[in-house]
Amino acid sequence: MAIFENIINHKIGNITADELLKYASQFNISITKAQAEKIAGYLRGKKVNIFNVSERSALIKQIARITSPETAKEVNKLFVKFTK
């Protein structure tokens, strides 16, 4: 199972705005192109474990600061989908 977690975490650290929008659309999560660009820019190069609740929570708080709390909630829904 650890290999899949590593792959997903690596993908999160290298995600583009377009990929983020694609995943959001696939899971019926509402974010704008501008929000996706801000989030992808923030995530680029980050080493974060979205399977770790405290790390994911800290990441969501940072996303809320650069976008909005509502957007952060939507992104958290997406991350939760990735972890299942």
PDB file of N, CA and C in Angstrom:
ATOM      1  N   MET A   1       0.820  -1.194   0.000  1.00  0.00           N
ATOM      2  CA  MET A   1       0.000   0.000   0.000  1.00  0.00           C
ATOM      3  C   MET A   1       0.865   1.259   0.000  1.00  0.00           C
ATOM      4  N   ALA A   2       2.034   1.197   0.597  1.00  0.00           N
ATOM      5  CA  ALA A   2       2.897   2.377   0.704  1.00  0.00           C
ATOM      6  C   ALA A   2       3.300   2.908  -0.665  1.00  0.00           C
ATOM      7  N   ILE A   3       3.451   2.042  -1.635  1.00  0.00           N
ATOM      8  CA  ILE A   3       3.855   2.502  -2.967  1.00  0.00           C
ATOM      9  C   ILE A   3       2.780   3.381  -3.593  1.00  0.00           C
ATOM     10  N   PHE A   4       1.516   3.023  -3.401  1.00  0.00           N
ATOM     11  CA  PHE A   4       0.428   3.844  -3.935  1.00  0.00           C
ATOM     12  C   PHE A   4       0.373   5.196  -3.223  1.00  0.00           C
ATOM     13  N   GLU A   5       0.607   5.190  -1.924  1.00  0.00           N
ATOM     14  CA  GLU A   5       0.638   6.451  -1.175  1.00  0.00           C
ATOM     15  C   GLU A   5       1.757   7.339  -1.692  1.00  0.00           C
ATOM     16  N   ASN A   6       2.923   6.757  -1.944  1.00  0.00           N
ATOM     17  CA  ASN A   6       4.047   7.526  -2.469  1.00  0.00           C
ATOM     18  C   ASN A   6       3.730   8.111  -3.837  1.00  0.00           C
ATOM     19  N   ILE A   7       3.089   7.332  -4.682  1.00  0.00           N
ATOM     20  CA  ILE A   7       2.733   7.805  -6.024  1.00  0.00           C
ATOM     21  C   ILE A   7       1.757   8.974  -5.928  1.00  0.00           C
ATOM     22  N   ILE A   8       0.733   8.830  -5.101  1.00  0.00           N
ATOM     23  CA  ILE A   8      -0.269   9.900  -4.954  1.00  0.00           C
ATOM     24  C   ILE A   8       0.367  11.148  -4.353  1.00  0.00           C
ATOM     25  N   ASN A   9       1.173  10.993  -3.323  1.00  0.00           N
ATOM     26  CA  ASN A   9       1.831  12.147  -2.700  1.00  0.00           C
ATOM     27  C   ASN A   9       2.777  12.835  -3.685  1.00  0.00           C
ATOM     28  N   HIS A  10       3.485  12.053  -4.485  1.00  0.00           N
ATOM     29  CA  HIS A  10       4.371  12.620  -5.507  1.00  0.00           C
ATOM     30  C   HIS A  10       3.552  13.416  -6.520  1.00  0.00           C
ATOM     31  N   LYS A  11       2.429  12.854  -6.932  1.00  0.00           N
ATOM     32  CA  LYS A  11       1.566  13.536  -7.901  1.00  0.00           C
ATOM     33  C   LYS A  11       1.049  14.853  -7.327  1.00  0.00           C
ATOM     34  N   ILE A  12       0.679  14.866  -6.064  1.00  0.00           N
ATOM     35  CA  ILE A  12       0.206  16.101  -5.420  1.00  0.00           C
ATOM     36  C   ILE A  12       1.305  17.160  -5.459  1.00  0.00           C
ATOM     37  N   GLY A  13       2.548  16.760  -5.217  1.00  0.00           N
ATOM     38  CA  GLY A  13       3.669  17.696  -5.212  1.00  0.00           C
ATOM     39  C   GLY A  13       4.052  18.213  -6.585  1.00  0.00           C
ATOM     40  N   ASN A  14       3.536  17.588  -7.629  1.00  0.00           N
ATOM     41  CA  ASN A  14       3.864  17.987  -8.999  1.00  0.00           C
ATOM     42  C   ASN A  14       2.636  18.315  -9.838  1.00  0.00           C
ATOM     43  N   ILE A  15       1.513  18.507  -9.208  1.00  0.00           N
ATOM     44  CA  ILE A  15       0.255  18.702  -9.932  1.00  0.00           C
ATOM     45  C   ILE A  15       0.227  20.058 -10.638  1.00  0.00           C
ATOM     46  N   THR A  16      -0.380  20.074 -11.810  1.00  0.00           N
ATOM     47  CA  THR A  16      -0.573  21.331 -12.537  1.00  0.00           C
ATOM     48  C   THR A  16      -1.997  21.823 -12.295  1.00  0.00           C
ATOM     49  N   ALA A  17      -2.229  23.070 -12.633  1.00  0.00           N
ATOM     50  CA  ALA A  17      -3.569  23.643 -12.471  1.00  0.00           C
ATOM     51  C   ALA A  17      -4.570  22.879 -13.328  1.00  0.00           C
ATOM     52  N   ASP A  18      -4.180  22.533 -14.558  1.00  0.00           N
ATOM     53  CA  ASP A  18      -5.090  21.803 -15.444  1.00  0.00           C
ATOM     54  C   ASP A  18      -5.425  20.416 -14.898  1.00  0.00           C
ATOM     55  N   GLU A  19      -4.435  19.735 -14.335  1.00  0.00           N
ATOM     56  CA  GLU A  19      -4.699  18.420 -13.744  1.00  0.00           C
ATOM     57  C   GLU A  19      -5.618  18.552 -12.536  1.00  0.00           C
ATOM     58  N   LEU A  20      -5.379  19.565 -11.743  1.00  0.00           N
ATOM     59  CA  LEU A  20      -6.215  19.795 -10.563  1.00  0.00           C
ATOM     60  C   LEU A  20      -7.656  20.055 -10.980  1.00  0.00           C
ATOM     61  N   LEU A  21      -7.839  20.844 -12.015  1.00  0.00           N
ATOM     62  CA  LEU A  21      -9.185  21.106 -12.529  1.00  0.00           C
ATOM     63  C   LEU A  21      -9.828  19.831 -13.068  1.00  0.00           C
ATOM     64  N   LYS A  22      -9.037  19.003 -13.740  1.00  0.00           N
ATOM     65  CA  LYS A  22      -9.551  17.742 -14.282  1.00  0.00           C
ATOM     66  C   LYS A  22     -10.041  16.831 -13.155  1.00  0.00           C
ATOM     67  N   TYR A  23      -9.224  16.700 -12.108  1.00  0.00           N
ATOM     68  CA  TYR A  23      -9.625  15.860 -10.976  1.00  0.00           C
ATOM     69  C   TYR A  23     -10.838  16.438 -10.257  1.00  0.00           C
ATOM     70  N   ALA A  24     -10.856  17.751 -10.099  1.00  0.00           N
ATOM     71  CA  ALA A  24     -11.992  18.401  -9.440  1.00  0.00           C
ATOM     72  C   ALA A  24     -13.269  18.132 -10.223  1.00  0.00           C
ATOM     73  N   SER A  25     -13.197  18.244 -11.525  1.00  0.00           N
ATOM     74  CA  SER A  25     -14.364  17.982 -12.365  1.00  0.00           C
ATOM     75  C   SER A  25     -14.803  16.526 -12.262  1.00  0.00           C
ATOM     76  N   GLN A  26     -13.835  15.644 -12.264  1.00  0.00           N
ATOM     77  CA  GLN A  26     -14.115  14.209 -12.184  1.00  0.00           C
ATOM     78  C   GLN A  26     -14.852  13.848 -10.896  1.00  0.00           C
ATOM     79  N   PHE A  27     -14.529  14.534  -9.805  1.00  0.00           N
ATOM     80  CA  PHE A  27     -15.138  14.234  -8.512  1.00  0.00           C
ATOM     81  C   PHE A  27     -16.195  15.260  -8.109  1.00  0.00           C
ATOM     82  N   ASN A  28     -16.658  16.072  -9.059  1.00  0.00           N
ATOM     83  CA  ASN A  28     -17.692  17.086  -8.817  1.00  0.00           C
ATOM     84  C   ASN A  28     -17.314  18.058  -7.704  1.00  0.00           C
ATOM     85  N   ILE A  29     -16.068  18.527  -7.744  1.00  0.00           N
ATOM     86  CA  ILE A  29     -15.563  19.509  -6.797  1.00  0.00           C
ATOM     87  C   ILE A  29     -15.472  20.841  -7.540  1.00  0.00           C
ATOM     88  N   SER A  30     -15.931  21.904  -6.918  1.00  0.00           N
ATOM     89  CA  SER A  30     -16.004  23.198  -7.588  1.00  0.00           C
ATOM     90  C   SER A  30     -14.827  24.099  -7.228  1.00  0.00           C
ATOM     91  N   ILE A  31     -13.899  24.302  -8.199  1.00  0.00           N
ATOM     92  CA  ILE A  31     -12.838  25.293  -8.046  1.00  0.00           C
ATOM     93  C   ILE A  31     -12.644  25.989  -9.389  1.00  0.00           C
ATOM     94  N   THR A  32     -12.167  27.224  -9.330  1.00  0.00           N
ATOM     95  CA  THR A  32     -11.952  27.985 -10.556  1.00  0.00           C
ATOM     96  C   THR A  32     -10.533  27.772 -11.073  1.00  0.00           C
ATOM     97  N   LYS A  33     -10.301  28.197 -12.303  1.00  0.00           N
ATOM     98  CA  LYS A  33      -8.973  28.093 -12.910  1.00  0.00           C
ATOM     99  C   LYS A  33      -7.956  28.902 -12.093  1.00  0.00           C
ATOM    100  N   ALA A  34      -8.340  30.107 -11.680  1.00  0.00           N
ATOM    101  CA  ALA A  34      -7.431  30.946 -10.888  1.00  0.00           C
ATOM    102  C   ALA A  34      -7.078  30.278  -9.561  1.00  0.00           C
ATOM    103  N   GLN A  35      -8.075  29.680  -8.910  1.00  0.00           N
ATOM    104  CA  GLN A  35      -7.825  28.981  -7.642  1.00  0.00           C
ATOM    105  C   GLN A  35      -6.918  27.776  -7.878  1.00  0.00           C
ATOM    106  N   ALA A  36      -7.166  27.044  -8.951  1.00  0.00           N
ATOM    107  CA  ALA A  36      -6.349  25.875  -9.273  1.00  0.00           C
ATOM    108  C   ALA A  36      -4.898  26.289  -9.521  1.00  0.00           C
ATOM    109  N   GLU A  37      -4.697  27.420 -10.184  1.00  0.00           N
ATOM    110  CA  GLU A  37      -3.339  27.895 -10.442  1.00  0.00           C
ATOM    111  C   GLU A  37      -2.624  28.264  -9.144  1.00  0.00           C
ATOM    112  N   LYS A  38      -3.327  28.932  -8.233  1.00  0.00           N
ATOM    113  CA  LYS A  38      -2.735  29.287  -6.935  1.00  0.00           C
ATOM    114  C   LYS A  38      -2.384  28.036  -6.137  1.00  0.00           C
ATOM    115  N   ILE A  39      -3.313  27.087  -6.113  1.00  0.00           N
ATOM    116  CA  ILE A  39      -3.109  25.857  -5.339  1.00  0.00           C
ATOM    117  C   ILE A  39      -1.969  25.042  -5.928  1.00  0.00           C
ATOM    118  N   ALA A  40      -1.972  24.862  -7.250  1.00  0.00           N
ATOM    119  CA  ALA A  40      -0.917  24.083  -7.909  1.00  0.00           C
ATOM    120  C   ALA A  40       0.441  24.750  -7.684  1.00  0.00           C
ATOM    121  N   GLY A  41       0.475  26.073  -7.761  1.00  0.00           N
ATOM    122  CA  GLY A  41       1.719  26.796  -7.511  1.00  0.00           C
ATOM    123  C   GLY A  41       2.231  26.579  -6.097  1.00  0.00           C
ATOM    124  N   TYR A  42       1.317  26.573  -5.157  1.00  0.00           N
ATOM    125  CA  TYR A  42       1.694  26.344  -3.763  1.00  0.00           C
ATOM    126  C   TYR A  42       2.179  24.902  -3.549  1.00  0.00           C
ATOM    127  N   LEU A  43       1.494  23.942  -4.157  1.00  0.00           N
ATOM    128  CA  LEU A  43       1.827  22.530  -3.951  1.00  0.00           C
ATOM    129  C   LEU A  43       3.106  22.104  -4.667  1.00  0.00           C
ATOM    130  N   ARG A  44       3.455  22.808  -5.741  1.00  0.00           N
ATOM    131  CA  ARG A  44       4.602  22.409  -6.551  1.00  0.00           C
ATOM    132  C   ARG A  44       5.866  22.326  -5.707  1.00  0.00           C
ATOM    133  N   GLY A  45       6.465  21.146  -5.688  1.00  0.00           N
ATOM    134  CA  GLY A  45       7.699  20.931  -4.955  1.00  0.00           C
ATOM    135  C   GLY A  45       7.524  20.597  -3.481  1.00  0.00           C
ATOM    136  N   LYS A  46       6.290  20.652  -2.979  1.00  0.00           N
ATOM    137  CA  LYS A  46       6.044  20.336  -1.568  1.00  0.00           C
ATOM    138  C   LYS A  46       6.074  18.820  -1.371  1.00  0.00           C
ATOM    139  N   LYS A  47       6.669  18.417  -0.264  1.00  0.00           N
ATOM    140  CA  LYS A  47       6.628  17.010   0.118  1.00  0.00           C
ATOM    141  C   LYS A  47       5.658  16.910   1.280  1.00  0.00           C
ATOM    142  N   VAL A  48       4.451  16.461   0.953  1.00  0.00           N
ATOM    143  CA  VAL A  48       3.415  16.361   1.967  1.00  0.00           C
ATOM    144  C   VAL A  48       2.772  14.990   1.864  1.00  0.00           C
ATOM    145  N   ASN A  49       2.366  14.455   2.977  1.00  0.00           N
ATOM    146  CA  ASN A  49       1.701  13.160   3.015  1.00  0.00           C
ATOM    147  C   ASN A  49       0.218  13.409   3.277  1.00  0.00           C
ATOM    148  N   ILE A  50      -0.595  13.367   2.222  1.00  0.00           N
ATOM    149  CA  ILE A  50      -2.025  13.641   2.413  1.00  0.00           C
ATOM    150  C   ILE A  50      -2.723  12.499   3.143  1.00  0.00           C
ATOM    151  N   PHE A  51      -2.035  11.391   3.341  1.00  0.00           N
ATOM    152  CA  PHE A  51      -2.606  10.268   4.089  1.00  0.00           C
ATOM    153  C   PHE A  51      -2.457  10.496   5.595  1.00  0.00           C
ATOM    154  N   ASN A  52      -1.596  11.426   5.980  1.00  0.00           N
ATOM    155  CA  ASN A  52      -1.409  11.791   7.374  1.00  0.00           C
ATOM    156  C   ASN A  52      -2.367  12.942   7.674  1.00  0.00           C
ATOM    157  N   VAL A  53      -3.299  12.720   8.578  1.00  0.00           N
ATOM    158  CA  VAL A  53      -4.358  13.690   8.855  1.00  0.00           C
ATOM    159  C   VAL A  53      -3.794  15.043   9.290  1.00  0.00           C
ATOM    160  N   SER A  54      -2.795  15.057  10.143  1.00  0.00           N
ATOM    161  CA  SER A  54      -2.262  16.340  10.625  1.00  0.00           C
ATOM    162  C   SER A  54      -1.541  17.093   9.508  1.00  0.00           C
ATOM    163  N   GLU A  55      -0.802  16.384   8.650  1.00  0.00           N
ATOM    164  CA  GLU A  55      -0.132  17.044   7.526  1.00  0.00           C
ATOM    165  C   GLU A  55      -1.153  17.584   6.528  1.00  0.00           C
ATOM    166  N   ARG A  56      -2.182  16.787   6.260  1.00  0.00           N
ATOM    167  CA  ARG A  56      -3.226  17.228   5.331  1.00  0.00           C
ATOM    168  C   ARG A  56      -3.966  18.435   5.902  1.00  0.00           C
ATOM    169  N   SER A  57      -4.231  18.433   7.189  1.00  0.00           N
ATOM    170  CA  SER A  57      -4.910  19.548   7.840  1.00  0.00           C
ATOM    171  C   SER A  57      -4.082  20.828   7.742  1.00  0.00           C
ATOM    172  N   ALA A  58      -2.789  20.724   7.985  1.00  0.00           N
ATOM    173  CA  ALA A  58      -1.907  21.892   7.875  1.00  0.00           C
ATOM    174  C   ALA A  58      -1.874  22.402   6.436  1.00  0.00           C
ATOM    175  N   LEU A  59      -1.860  21.503   5.491  1.00  0.00           N
ATOM    176  CA  LEU A  59      -1.864  21.877   4.075  1.00  0.00           C
ATOM    177  C   LEU A  59      -3.158  22.594   3.708  1.00  0.00           C
ATOM    178  N   ILE A  60      -4.269  22.085   4.187  1.00  0.00           N
ATOM    179  CA  ILE A  60      -5.574  22.701   3.906  1.00  0.00           C
ATOM    180  C   ILE A  60      -5.644  24.107   4.510  1.00  0.00           C
ATOM    181  N   LYS A  61      -5.057  24.296   5.698  1.00  0.00           N
ATOM    182  CA  LYS A  61      -5.031  25.623   6.307  1.00  0.00           C
ATOM    183  C   LYS A  61      -4.242  26.598   5.443  1.00  0.00           C
ATOM    184  N   GLN A  62      -3.133  26.139   4.885  1.00  0.00           N
ATOM    185  CA  GLN A  62      -2.340  26.989   3.994  1.00  0.00           C
ATOM    186  C   GLN A  62      -3.118  27.315   2.723  1.00  0.00           C
ATOM    187  N   ILE A  63      -3.817  26.331   2.177  1.00  0.00           N
ATOM    188  CA  ILE A  63      -4.621  26.556   0.976  1.00  0.00           C
ATOM    189  C   ILE A  63      -5.734  27.555   1.280  1.00  0.00           C
ATOM    190  N   ALA A  64      -6.309  27.482   2.466  1.00  0.00           N
ATOM    191  CA  ALA A  64      -7.351  28.446   2.863  1.00  0.00           C
ATOM    192  C   ALA A  64      -6.787  29.865   2.908  1.00  0.00           C
ATOM    193  N   ARG A  65      -5.538  30.000   3.308  1.00  0.00           N
ATOM    194  CA  ARG A  65      -4.914  31.330   3.371  1.00  0.00           C
ATOM    195  C   ARG A  65      -4.683  31.913   1.979  1.00  0.00           C
ATOM    196  N   ILE A  66      -4.308  31.058   1.026  1.00  0.00           N
ATOM    197  CA  ILE A  66      -3.997  31.589  -0.307  1.00  0.00           C
ATOM    198  C   ILE A  66      -5.217  31.661  -1.218  1.00  0.00           C
ATOM    199  N   THR A  67      -6.279  30.957  -0.868  1.00  0.00           N
ATOM    200  CA  THR A  67      -7.508  31.018  -1.676  1.00  0.00           C
ATOM    201  C   THR A  67      -8.646  31.509  -0.788  1.00  0.00           C
ATOM    202  N   SER A  68      -9.405  30.575  -0.254  1.00  0.00           N
ATOM    203  CA  SER A  68     -10.494  30.899   0.678  1.00  0.00           C
ATOM    204  C   SER A  68     -10.825  29.648   1.471  1.00  0.00           C
ATOM    205  N   PRO A  69     -11.475  29.803   2.618  1.00  0.00           N
ATOM    206  CA  PRO A  69     -11.866  28.624   3.392  1.00  0.00           C
ATOM    207  C   PRO A  69     -12.782  27.683   2.610  1.00  0.00           C
ATOM    208  N   GLU A  70     -13.673  28.250   1.792  1.00  0.00           N
ATOM    209  CA  GLU A  70     -14.588  27.411   1.007  1.00  0.00           C
ATOM    210  C   GLU A  70     -13.822  26.570  -0.012  1.00  0.00           C
ATOM    211  N   THR A  71     -12.860  27.206  -0.674  1.00  0.00           N
ATOM    212  CA  THR A  71     -12.042  26.481  -1.655  1.00  0.00           C
ATOM    213  C   THR A  71     -11.232  25.397  -0.963  1.00  0.00           C
ATOM    214  N   ALA A  72     -10.680  25.711   0.196  1.00  0.00           N
ATOM    215  CA  ALA A  72      -9.897  24.734   0.950  1.00  0.00           C
ATOM    216  C   ALA A  72     -10.744  23.517   1.317  1.00  0.00           C
ATOM    217  N   LYS A  73     -12.004  23.759   1.671  1.00  0.00           N
ATOM    218  CA  LYS A  73     -12.906  22.643   1.987  1.00  0.00           C
ATOM    219  C   LYS A  73     -13.104  21.759   0.759  1.00  0.00           C
ATOM    220  N   GLU A  74     -13.255  22.384  -0.399  1.00  0.00           N
ATOM    221  CA  GLU A  74     -13.437  21.628  -1.642  1.00  0.00           C
ATOM    222  C   GLU A  74     -12.181  20.819  -1.962  1.00  0.00           C
ATOM    223  N   VAL A  75     -11.017  21.423  -1.798  1.00  0.00           N
ATOM    224  CA  VAL A  75      -9.759  20.720  -2.061  1.00  0.00           C
ATOM    225  C   VAL A  75      -9.585  19.577  -1.071  1.00  0.00           C
ATOM    226  N   ASN A  76      -9.986  19.794   0.173  1.00  0.00           N
ATOM    227  CA  ASN A  76      -9.903  18.722   1.158  1.00  0.00           C
ATOM    228  C   ASN A  76     -10.771  17.534   0.739  1.00  0.00           C
ATOM    229  N   LYS A  77     -11.948  17.825   0.196  1.00  0.00           N
ATOM    230  CA  LYS A  77     -12.808  16.735  -0.305  1.00  0.00           C
ATOM    231  C   LYS A  77     -12.080  15.935  -1.379  1.00  0.00           C
ATOM    232  N   LEU A  78     -11.387  16.649  -2.241  1.00  0.00           N
ATOM    233  CA  LEU A  78     -10.629  15.992  -3.307  1.00  0.00           C
ATOM    234  C   LEU A  78      -9.515  15.131  -2.719  1.00  0.00           C
ATOM    235  N   PHE A  79      -8.768  15.661  -1.755  1.00  0.00           N
ATOM    236  CA  PHE A  79      -7.697  14.899  -1.118  1.00  0.00           C
ATOM    237  C   PHE A  79      -8.235  13.666  -0.406  1.00  0.00           C
ATOM    238  N   VAL A  80      -9.384  13.798   0.218  1.00  0.00           N
ATOM    239  CA  VAL A  80      -9.999  12.645   0.897  1.00  0.00           C
ATOM    240  C   VAL A  80     -10.350  11.572  -0.125  1.00  0.00           C
ATOM    241  N   LYS A  81     -10.847  12.004  -1.290  1.00  0.00           N
ATOM    242  CA  LYS A  81     -11.154  11.037  -2.354  1.00  0.00           C
ATOM    243  C   LYS A  81      -9.890  10.309  -2.790  1.00  0.00           C
ATOM    244  N   PHE A  82      -8.773  11.033  -2.881  1.00  0.00           N
ATOM    245  CA  PHE A  82      -7.494  10.420  -3.283  1.00  0.00           C
ATOM    246  C   PHE A  82      -7.028   9.396  -2.270  1.00  0.00           C
ATOM    247  N   THR A  83      -7.349   9.594  -1.007  1.00  0.00           N
ATOM    248  CA  THR A  83      -6.851   8.692   0.029  1.00  0.00           C
ATOM    249  C   THR A  83      -7.685   7.435   0.212  1.00  0.00           C
ATOM    250  N   LYS A  84      -8.823   7.369  -0.470  1.00  0.00           N
ATOM    251  CA  LYS A  84      -9.683   6.182  -0.335  1.00  0.00           C
ATOM    252  C   LYS A  84      -9.429   5.182  -1.417  1.00  0.00           C
TER     253      LYS A  84
END
